[in-house]
C-alpha atoms as a PDB file:
ATOM      1  CA  UNK A   1    -195.747 269.349 -52.324  1.00  0.00           C
ATOM      2  CA  UNK A   2    -195.969 265.825 -51.059  1.00  0.00           C
ATOM      3  CA  UNK A   3    -193.679 263.467 -49.213  1.00  0.00           C
ATOM      4  CA  UNK A   4    -193.941 259.757 -48.582  1.00  0.00           C
ATOM      5  CA  UNK A   5    -192.283 257.693 -45.888  1.00  0.00           C
ATOM      6  CA  UNK A   6    -190.105 254.961 -47.355  1.00  0.00           C
ATOM      7  CA  UNK A   7    -189.615 251.476 -45.949  1.00  0.00           C
ATOM      8  CA  UNK A   8    -186.089 252.355 -44.767  1.00  0.00           C
ATOM      9  CA  UNK A   9    -187.449 255.273 -42.735  1.00  0.00           C
ATOM     10  CA  UNK A  10    -186.397 258.016 -45.143  1.00  0.00           C
ATOM     11  CA  UNK A  11    -188.753 260.200 -47.142  1.00  0.00           C
ATOM     12  CA  UNK A  12    -189.259 260.821 -50.833  1.00  0.00           C
ATOM     13  CA  UNK A  13    -190.589 264.094 -52.211  1.00  0.00           C
ATOM     14  CA  UNK A  14    -192.640 265.222 -55.183  1.00  0.00           C
ATOM     15  CA  UNK A  15    -194.331 268.364 -56.389  1.00  0.00           C
ATOM     16  CA  UNK A  16    -196.583 269.477 -59.193  1.00  0.00           C
ATOM     17  CA  UNK A  17    -196.927 272.671 -61.184  1.00  0.00           C
ATOM     18  CA  UNK A  18    -200.193 273.780 -62.730  1.00  0.00           C
ATOM     19  CA  UNK A  19    -200.471 275.886 -65.858  1.00  0.00           C
ATOM     20  CA  UNK A  20    -203.787 277.667 -66.396  1.00  0.00           C
ATOM     21  CA  UNK A  21    -204.785 278.880 -69.854  1.00  0.00           C
ATOM     22  CA  UNK A  22    -207.870 279.173 -72.050  1.00  0.00           C
ATOM     23  CA  UNK A  23    -207.757 275.412 -72.743  1.00  0.00           C
ATOM     24  CA  UNK A  24    -207.996 274.581 -69.037  1.00  0.00           C
ATOM     25  CA  UNK A  25    -205.445 273.415 -66.498  1.00  0.00           C
ATOM     26  CA  UNK A  26    -202.382 271.295 -67.167  1.00  0.00           C
ATOM     27  CA  UNK A  27    -200.663 269.707 -64.177  1.00  0.00           C
ATOM     28  CA  UNK A  28    -197.130 268.346 -64.424  1.00  0.00           C
ATOM     29  CA  UNK A  29    -195.795 266.188 -61.602  1.00  0.00           C
ATOM     30  CA  UNK A  30    -192.125 265.952 -60.655  1.00  0.00           C
ATOM     31  CA  UNK A  31    -190.402 263.413 -58.427  1.00  0.00           C
ATOM     32  CA  UNK A  32    -187.148 264.204 -56.672  1.00  0.00           C
ATOM     33  CA  UNK A  33    -184.633 261.353 -56.986  1.00  0.00           C
ATOM     34  CA  UNK A  34    -183.130 261.944 -53.524  1.00  0.00           C
ATOM     35  CA  UNK A  35    -184.108 260.382 -50.205  1.00  0.00           C
ATOM     36  CA  UNK A  36    -184.447 262.700 -47.220  1.00  0.00           C
ATOM     37  CA  UNK A  37    -183.967 261.886 -43.534  1.00  0.00           C
ATOM     38  CA  UNK A  38    -187.115 263.752 -42.456  1.00  0.00           C
ATOM     39  CA  UNK A  39    -190.465 264.770 -43.874  1.00  0.00           C
ATOM     40  CA  UNK A  40    -189.620 268.415 -43.181  1.00  0.00           C
ATOM     41  CA  UNK A  41    -186.449 268.228 -45.302  1.00  0.00           C
ATOM     42  CA  UNK A  42    -188.328 266.428 -48.098  1.00  0.00           C
ATOM     43  CA  UNK A  43    -191.006 269.148 -48.240  1.00  0.00           C
ATOM     44  CA  UNK A  44    -188.360 271.898 -48.139  1.00  0.00           C
ATOM     45  CA  UNK A  45    -186.489 270.293 -51.053  1.00  0.00           C
ATOM     46  CA  UNK A  46    -189.697 269.911 -53.080  1.00  0.00           C
ATOM     47  CA  UNK A  47    -190.582 273.556 -52.412  1.00  0.00           C
ATOM     48  CA  UNK A  48    -187.149 274.719 -53.548  1.00  0.00           C
ATOM     49  CA  UNK A  49    -187.219 272.514 -56.669  1.00  0.00           C
ATOM     50  CA  UNK A  50    -190.692 273.798 -57.579  1.00  0.00           C
ATOM     51  CA  UNK A  51    -189.591 277.409 -57.237  1.00  0.00           C
ATOM     52  CA  UNK A  52    -186.547 276.721 -59.407  1.00  0.00           C
ATOM     53  CA  UNK A  53    -188.702 275.160 -62.139  1.00  0.00           C
ATOM     54  CA  UNK A  54    -190.986 278.192 -62.150  1.00  0.00           C
ATOM     55  CA  UNK A  55    -188.090 280.668 -62.012  1.00  0.00           C
ATOM     56  CA  UNK A  56    -186.433 279.246 -65.137  1.00  0.00           C
ATOM     57  CA  UNK A  57    -189.615 279.941 -67.084  1.00  0.00           C
ATOM     58  CA  UNK A  58    -192.364 277.357 -67.047  1.00  0.00           C
ATOM     59  CA  UNK A  59    -193.657 276.904 -70.579  1.00  0.00           C
ATOM     60  CA  UNK A  60    -196.201 274.413 -71.820  1.00  0.00           C
ATOM     61  CA  UNK A  61    -194.357 271.304 -72.907  1.00  0.00           C
ATOM     62  CA  UNK A  62    -190.966 272.500 -71.720  1.00  0.00           C
ATOM     63  CA  UNK A  63    -190.759 270.017 -68.850  1.00  0.00           C
ATOM     64  CA  UNK A  64    -192.602 266.954 -70.135  1.00  0.00           C
ATOM     65  CA  UNK A  65    -189.484 264.814 -69.972  1.00  0.00           C
ATOM     66  CA  UNK A  66    -189.015 265.592 -66.292  1.00  0.00           C
ATOM     67  CA  UNK A  67    -192.499 264.819 -65.101  1.00  0.00           C
ATOM     68  CA  UNK A  68    -195.871 263.397 -65.871  1.00  0.00           C
ATOM     69  CA  UNK A  69    -198.164 265.612 -67.924  1.00  0.00           C
ATOM     70  CA  UNK A  70    -201.811 265.301 -67.013  1.00  0.00           C
ATOM     71  CA  UNK A  71    -204.661 267.390 -68.406  1.00  0.00           C
ATOM     72  CA  UNK A  72    -207.268 268.220 -65.798  1.00  0.00           C
ATOM     73  CA  UNK A  73    -210.482 267.192 -67.513  1.00  0.00           C
ATOM     74  CA  UNK A  74    -212.647 268.738 -64.791  1.00  0.00           C
ATOM     75  CA  UNK A  75    -211.850 272.279 -65.941  1.00  0.00           C
ATOM     76  CA  UNK A  76    -214.044 273.928 -68.584  1.00  0.00           C
ATOM     77  CA  UNK A  77    -212.495 274.232 -72.033  1.00  0.00           C
END
């Protein structure tokens, strides 16, 4: 979970989900479109959104359109 302070004083939020398998680790990043009045609220929203993504059944490739897919090349294959 990450948050960033915006120029207007609000905060943005993002999170990533990692999938580990025999091919290595795939990380998918997600950005929340909302602006939050505090860093605490931004982190809470990112945490909730991440849990929801996992709860609906994270499958390889299922969420590519919602985030950035990045293969972690540092993991052994």
